[in-house]
């Protein structure tokens, strides 16, 4: 099943779908109208399959802003349209994935002056689980130019968006657990000083992600990518009260970056306990560190483990 925003009504876009066979034959050449015919200002459709039927989500692009949803059966018949969420601002880049149990919907919320990525879990009936929550913040304020990406890797969701860092647009990621809680801190995926946009990724073998993005080195846009070990590992430890606590392990290459760490003294130690550096405004370059295991300790008692890889 393929979905798109259809321009046959001029600029009053409407969401359409079509079934395509494995051999590439289009079963619905005129499309299946998914979005309602009235007030056709529908954008950014996304689709996921739960093994029984498809769920299409999209944004209604004028006030009152709405994220809509509709189920499509495999024979092309439709259920009723329903409201997924009611953001307070303009929405773009709607994404959806299914993890085998629930749907997870992400969207870019245009909150002046910077954007945020919101997330919301849905049951297989389309019922929201809890309320929308923020996944990534402080993103670029050009939602139409920097769409977000969302994947499920079998352990966690990974959402990405663009941040404006040191006069360039950089791709950042944030893991989210199946229960809708953030795992670790936001981390930079693109690793050069050029402008980046239009990122996407897909999980693969050996706990790695293939990340791709468009990059502007100075004369023309290229498509660049890398292979990252990006799956967090949670270790269970015992404290003095004999209660389990979680220690998040992060995989890094070029830098350790801690959000909202201004004013917090953070030190980095190697496995022998030797101090190897401190963060500056939450940032520490790993360029001089050898591959291996390191520990980060903040003055607010937060501790976590870092594995430095090439």
Protein backbone atom coordinates (compact mmCIF):
# COMPACT_ATOMS: atom_id res chain seq x y z
CA UNK A 1 0.00 0.00 0.00
CA UNK A 2 1.39 3.39 -1.07
CA UNK A 3 0.11 6.75 0.18
CA UNK A 4 0.65 10.30 -1.07
CA UNK A 5 -0.72 13.84 -0.99
CA UNK A 6 -2.52 14.32 -4.28
CA UNK A 7 -2.51 17.60 -6.21
CA UNK A 8 -5.34 16.84 -8.65
CA UNK A 9 -7.38 19.47 -6.77
CA UNK A 10 -4.78 22.21 -7.30
CA UNK A 11 -3.33 23.27 -3.95
CA UNK A 12 -6.15 21.67 -1.98
CA UNK A 13 -4.22 18.49 -1.34
CA UNK A 14 -6.02 15.29 -0.43
CA UNK A 15 -4.52 12.01 0.79
CA UNK A 16 -4.73 9.07 -1.61
CA UNK A 17 -3.55 5.44 -1.47
CA UNK A 18 -3.05 2.58 -3.89
CA UNK A 19 -2.28 -1.12 -3.67
CA UNK A 20 0.74 -2.45 -5.55
CA UNK A 21 1.44 -6.13 -6.14
CA UNK A 22 4.87 -7.67 -5.42
CA UNK A 23 5.53 -7.65 -9.18
CA UNK A 24 4.81 -3.92 -9.41
CA UNK A 25 1.28 -3.88 -10.82
CA UNK A 26 -0.87 -1.01 -9.55
CA UNK A 27 -4.30 -2.31 -8.51
CA UNK A 28 -5.81 1.15 -7.92
CA UNK A 29 -4.54 3.33 -10.80
CA UNK A 30 -6.89 6.20 -9.91
CA UNK A 31 -6.03 5.97 -6.21
CA UNK A 32 -8.17 5.37 -3.15
CA UNK A 33 -9.29 8.66 -1.56
CA UNK A 34 -8.25 8.42 2.08
CA UNK A 35 -8.59 11.98 3.37
CA UNK A 36 -12.03 13.63 3.53
CA UNK A 37 -13.14 15.67 0.52
CA UNK A 38 -13.95 18.82 2.50
CA UNK A 39 -11.28 21.37 3.51
CA UNK A 40 -8.60 19.50 1.58
CA UNK A 41 -5.40 20.83 3.14
CA UNK A 42 -3.88 17.48 4.03
CA UNK A 43 -0.12 16.91 4.12
CA UNK A 44 2.68 14.50 5.08
CA UNK A 45 0.96 11.09 4.95
CA UNK A 46 2.70 8.06 6.45
CA UNK A 47 1.66 4.41 6.62
CA UNK A 48 2.37 1.30 8.71
CA UNK A 49 1.10 -2.29 8.59
CA UNK A 50 0.25 -4.34 11.69
CA UNK A 51 -0.05 -7.68 9.89
CA UNK A 52 -3.81 -7.32 9.41
CA UNK A 53 -4.48 -3.81 8.10
CA UNK A 54 -2.76 -0.53 7.32
CA UNK A 55 -2.92 2.68 9.35
CA UNK A 56 -2.46 5.95 7.48
CA UNK A 57 -1.73 9.15 9.40
CA UNK A 58 -1.40 12.71 8.09
CA UNK A 59 -1.64 16.35 9.17
CA UNK A 60 -4.43 18.84 8.58
CA UNK A 61 -2.50 21.93 7.60
CA UNK A 62 -4.62 24.77 8.96
CA UNK A 63 -6.10 25.77 12.32
CA UNK A 64 -7.37 23.88 14.21
CA UNK A 65 -4.28 21.76 13.51
CA UNK A 66 -4.98 18.04 13.61
CA UNK A 67 -3.22 14.76 12.99
CA UNK A 68 -5.72 12.43 11.36
CA UNK A 69 -5.77 8.65 11.02
CA UNK A 70 -7.60 6.04 8.98
CA UNK A 71 -7.33 2.28 8.67
CA UNK A 72 -7.22 0.62 5.24
CA UNK A 73 -7.94 -3.08 4.83
CA UNK A 74 -5.82 -5.14 2.46
CA UNK A 75 -8.70 -5.17 -0.06
CA UNK A 76 -8.65 -1.35 -0.17
CA UNK A 77 -11.78 -0.74 1.92
CA UNK A 78 -11.64 1.98 4.57
CA UNK A 79 -12.66 2.50 8.17
CA UNK A 80 -13.87 5.85 9.50
CA UNK A 81 -11.44 8.76 9.80
CA UNK A 82 -10.42 9.58 13.38
CA UNK A 83 -8.33 12.17 15.24
CA UNK A 84 -4.92 10.99 16.43
CA UNK A 85 -3.78 14.23 18.11
CA UNK A 86 -4.59 17.95 18.21
CA UNK A 87 -1.30 19.92 18.21
CA UNK A 88 -1.42 23.64 19.01
CA UNK A 89 0.77 24.65 16.08
CA UNK A 90 1.67 23.81 12.49
CA UNK A 91 2.70 20.20 11.95
CA UNK A 92 4.92 18.56 9.34
CA UNK A 93 6.93 15.39 8.77
CA UNK A 94 4.40 12.92 10.21
CA UNK A 95 5.86 9.40 10.62
CA UNK A 96 4.49 6.08 11.89
CA UNK A 97 5.96 2.65 12.68
CA UNK A 98 4.56 -0.57 14.16
CA UNK A 99 6.67 -2.54 16.65
CA UNK A 100 4.60 -5.73 16.73
CA UNK A 101 2.43 -4.52 19.61
CA UNK A 102 1.62 -0.82 19.19
CA UNK A 103 1.88 1.95 16.64
CA UNK A 104 4.18 4.90 17.32
CA UNK A 105 3.48 8.24 15.61
CA UNK A 106 5.98 11.11 15.44
CA UNK A 107 5.59 14.61 14.02
CA UNK A 108 7.51 17.86 13.82
CA UNK A 109 5.71 20.55 15.83
CA UNK A 110 6.50 24.07 14.63
CA UNK A 111 6.85 25.93 17.94
CA UNK A 112 8.43 29.37 17.38
CA UNK A 113 11.33 29.93 17.34
CA UNK A 114 12.49 26.28 17.28
CA UNK A 115 10.79 23.01 16.46
CA UNK A 116 10.22 19.91 18.56
CA UNK A 117 9.50 16.30 17.65
CA UNK A 118 6.48 14.91 19.49
CA UNK A 119 5.58 11.26 19.87
CA UNK A 120 2.42 9.32 20.68
CA UNK A 121 1.77 5.60 20.97
CA UNK A 122 -1.44 4.06 19.62
CA UNK A 123 -3.09 0.70 20.12
CA UNK A 124 -3.91 -1.46 17.10
CA UNK A 125 -7.38 0.10 17.29
CA UNK A 126 -5.93 3.61 16.97
CA UNK A 127 -6.56 4.58 20.60
CA UNK A 128 -3.88 6.90 22.07
CA UNK A 129 -1.77 5.46 24.89
CA UNK A 130 -1.11 8.41 27.19
CA UNK A 131 -0.51 11.91 25.84
CA UNK A 132 1.90 13.30 23.22
CA UNK A 133 5.41 13.86 24.59
CA UNK A 134 8.56 15.63 23.42
CA UNK A 135 11.29 13.43 21.92
CA UNK A 136 13.71 16.00 20.45
CA UNK A 137 13.74 19.77 20.98
CA UNK A 138 15.75 22.80 19.81
CA UNK A 139 15.46 21.76 16.17
CA UNK A 140 15.70 24.00 13.12
CA UNK A 141 12.76 26.27 12.40
CA UNK A 142 12.36 25.14 8.80
CA UNK A 143 10.04 22.14 9.14
CA UNK A 144 9.25 21.98 5.44
CA UNK A 145 12.94 21.59 4.56
CA UNK A 146 14.11 19.14 7.20
CA UNK A 147 11.67 16.23 7.54
CA UNK A 148 12.16 13.84 10.39
CA UNK A 149 12.76 10.07 10.32
CA UNK A 150 11.51 7.28 12.57
CA UNK A 151 12.48 3.60 12.83
CA UNK A 152 11.96 0.59 15.12
CA UNK A 153 15.05 -1.59 15.55
CA UNK A 154 13.57 -4.43 17.58
CA UNK A 155 14.65 -2.85 20.89
CA UNK A 156 13.83 0.85 20.72
CA UNK A 157 12.48 3.53 18.43
CA UNK A 158 14.95 5.98 16.90
CA UNK A 159 13.76 9.44 15.86
CA UNK A 160 15.95 11.98 14.06
CA UNK A 161 15.77 15.69 13.29
CA UNK A 162 18.03 18.63 12.42
CA UNK A 163 19.66 20.97 14.92
CA UNK A 164 21.50 24.19 14.19
CA UNK A 165 24.95 23.69 15.75
CA UNK A 166 28.02 25.89 15.20
CA UNK A 167 26.44 27.61 12.18
CA UNK A 168 25.56 24.32 10.46
CA UNK A 169 22.55 22.01 10.36
CA UNK A 170 23.40 18.65 11.93
CA UNK A 171 21.40 15.43 12.18
CA UNK A 172 20.56 14.38 15.74
CA UNK A 173 18.92 11.23 17.04
CA UNK A 174 17.03 10.19 20.16
CA UNK A 175 16.10 6.69 21.29
CA UNK A 176 12.69 5.99 22.81
CA UNK A 177 11.68 2.79 24.56
CA UNK A 178 8.65 0.66 23.59
CA UNK A 179 6.83 2.12 26.62
CA UNK A 180 7.34 5.70 25.46
CA UNK A 181 10.23 6.81 27.67
CA UNK A 182 13.40 8.47 26.39
CA UNK A 183 16.53 6.29 26.42
CA UNK A 184 19.75 8.23 26.95
CA UNK A 185 20.34 11.73 25.60
CA UNK A 186 20.15 13.18 22.08
CA UNK A 187 23.26 12.42 20.04
CA UNK A 188 24.72 13.68 16.78
CA UNK A 189 24.58 11.28 13.85
CA UNK A 190 26.22 13.31 11.10
CA UNK A 191 29.87 13.90 11.88
CA UNK A 192 31.22 16.71 9.72
CA UNK A 193 31.08 20.50 9.74
CA UNK A 194 28.96 20.68 6.56
CA UNK A 195 25.24 21.37 6.44
CA UNK A 196 23.07 18.25 6.59
CA UNK A 197 19.40 17.65 5.88
CA UNK A 198 16.84 15.06 4.75
CA UNK A 199 18.22 12.25 6.89
CA UNK A 200 16.94 8.70 7.03
CA UNK A 201 18.21 5.47 8.53
CA UNK A 202 17.49 1.78 8.75
CA UNK A 203 18.60 -0.79 11.34
CA UNK A 204 20.64 -3.71 10.06
CA UNK A 205 22.89 -6.55 11.13
CA UNK A 206 25.32 -6.54 14.06
CA UNK A 207 23.31 -3.92 16.01
CA UNK A 208 24.15 -1.22 13.47
CA UNK A 209 22.24 1.50 11.70
CA UNK A 210 22.85 2.64 8.16
CA UNK A 211 22.40 6.43 8.29
CA UNK A 212 22.08 8.53 5.14
CA UNK A 213 21.61 12.27 4.63
CA UNK A 214 22.16 15.02 2.09
CA UNK A 215 25.27 17.10 2.74
CA UNK A 216 26.56 20.34 1.28
CA UNK A 217 30.41 20.33 1.22
CA UNK A 218 30.58 23.68 -0.59
CA UNK A 219 29.88 23.27 -4.29
CA UNK A 220 26.98 20.83 -4.63
CA UNK A 221 24.82 18.54 -2.50
CA UNK A 222 26.02 14.99 -1.93
CA UNK A 223 24.39 11.95 -0.36
CA UNK A 224 26.53 10.82 2.57
CA UNK A 225 26.18 8.09 5.15
CA UNK A 226 27.76 6.09 7.90
CA UNK A 227 27.34 2.88 9.85
CA UNK A 228 26.75 3.46 13.53
CA UNK A 229 26.46 1.18 16.54
CA UNK A 230 23.57 3.08 18.07
CA UNK A 231 21.62 0.60 20.17
CA UNK A 232 21.81 1.53 23.89
CA UNK A 233 22.50 -1.21 26.43
CA UNK A 234 20.88 -1.04 29.85
CA UNK A 235 22.80 -2.63 32.70
CA UNK A 236 21.20 -3.52 36.00
CA UNK A 237 23.25 -2.73 39.09
CA UNK A 238 22.56 -3.07 42.80
CA UNK A 239 22.81 -0.08 45.15
CA UNK A 240 23.13 0.09 48.92
CA UNK A 241 19.35 -0.25 49.31
CA UNK A 242 19.45 -3.46 47.26
CA UNK A 243 17.24 -1.90 44.60
CA UNK A 244 18.02 -2.10 40.89
CA UNK A 245 19.13 1.09 39.18
CA UNK A 246 19.66 1.68 35.47
CA UNK A 247 23.01 2.68 33.99
CA UNK A 248 22.75 3.67 30.34
CA UNK A 249 25.59 2.70 28.02
CA UNK A 250 26.15 4.95 25.01
CA UNK A 251 28.13 4.27 21.85
CA UNK A 252 30.09 7.30 20.65
CA UNK A 253 32.60 8.16 17.96
CA UNK A 254 33.41 11.83 17.85
CA UNK A 255 31.95 13.47 20.97
CA UNK A 256 30.03 13.14 24.21
CA UNK A 257 27.14 15.60 24.25
CA UNK A 258 24.83 16.18 27.19
CA UNK A 259 21.71 18.26 26.74
CA UNK A 260 20.77 20.83 29.40
CA UNK A 261 24.17 20.36 31.06
CA UNK A 262 25.13 24.03 31.32
CA UNK A 263 26.50 24.74 34.78
CA UNK A 264 26.86 21.04 35.65
CA UNK A 265 30.44 19.87 36.12
CA UNK A 266 30.92 16.61 34.24
CA UNK A 267 34.11 14.53 34.25
CA UNK A 268 35.20 11.62 32.06
CA UNK A 269 37.26 8.72 33.48
CA UNK A 270 38.89 5.68 31.91
CA UNK A 271 38.48 2.14 33.29
CA UNK A 272 41.42 2.63 35.68
CA UNK A 273 39.71 5.62 37.28
CA UNK A 274 42.06 8.17 35.67
CA UNK A 275 40.36 11.42 34.77
CA UNK A 276 40.73 12.08 31.03
CA UNK A 277 38.70 15.29 30.66
CA UNK A 278 35.68 17.42 31.49
CA UNK A 279 32.79 18.69 29.41
CA UNK A 280 32.37 22.29 28.28
CA UNK A 281 28.70 23.26 28.17
CA UNK A 282 27.87 19.57 28.00
CA UNK A 283 30.33 18.81 25.15
CA UNK A 284 33.53 16.74 25.17
CA UNK A 285 35.52 15.80 22.06
CA UNK A 286 36.51 12.13 21.94
CA UNK A 287 39.03 12.65 19.14
CA UNK A 288 41.99 11.98 21.44
CA UNK A 289 40.46 8.97 23.17
CA UNK A 290 41.41 5.44 22.21
CA UNK A 291 38.75 2.83 21.62
CA UNK A 292 37.45 1.42 24.88
CA UNK A 293 35.17 1.92 27.87
CA UNK A 294 34.88 5.23 29.73
CA UNK A 295 32.69 6.56 32.52
CA UNK A 296 31.00 9.93 32.81
CA UNK A 297 30.19 11.40 36.22
CA UNK A 298 28.23 14.63 36.71
CA UNK A 299 28.01 16.79 39.81
CA UNK A 300 24.29 16.02 40.06
CA UNK A 301 25.13 12.32 40.71
CA UNK A 302 24.24 11.17 37.18
CA UNK A 303 26.64 8.46 35.99
CA UNK A 304 26.78 6.48 32.77
CA UNK A 305 29.14 4.38 30.69
CA UNK A 306 30.47 5.30 27.25
CA UNK A 307 32.02 2.95 24.71
CA UNK A 308 34.31 4.76 22.28
CA UNK A 309 34.47 3.14 18.83
CA UNK A 310 36.16 4.16 15.59
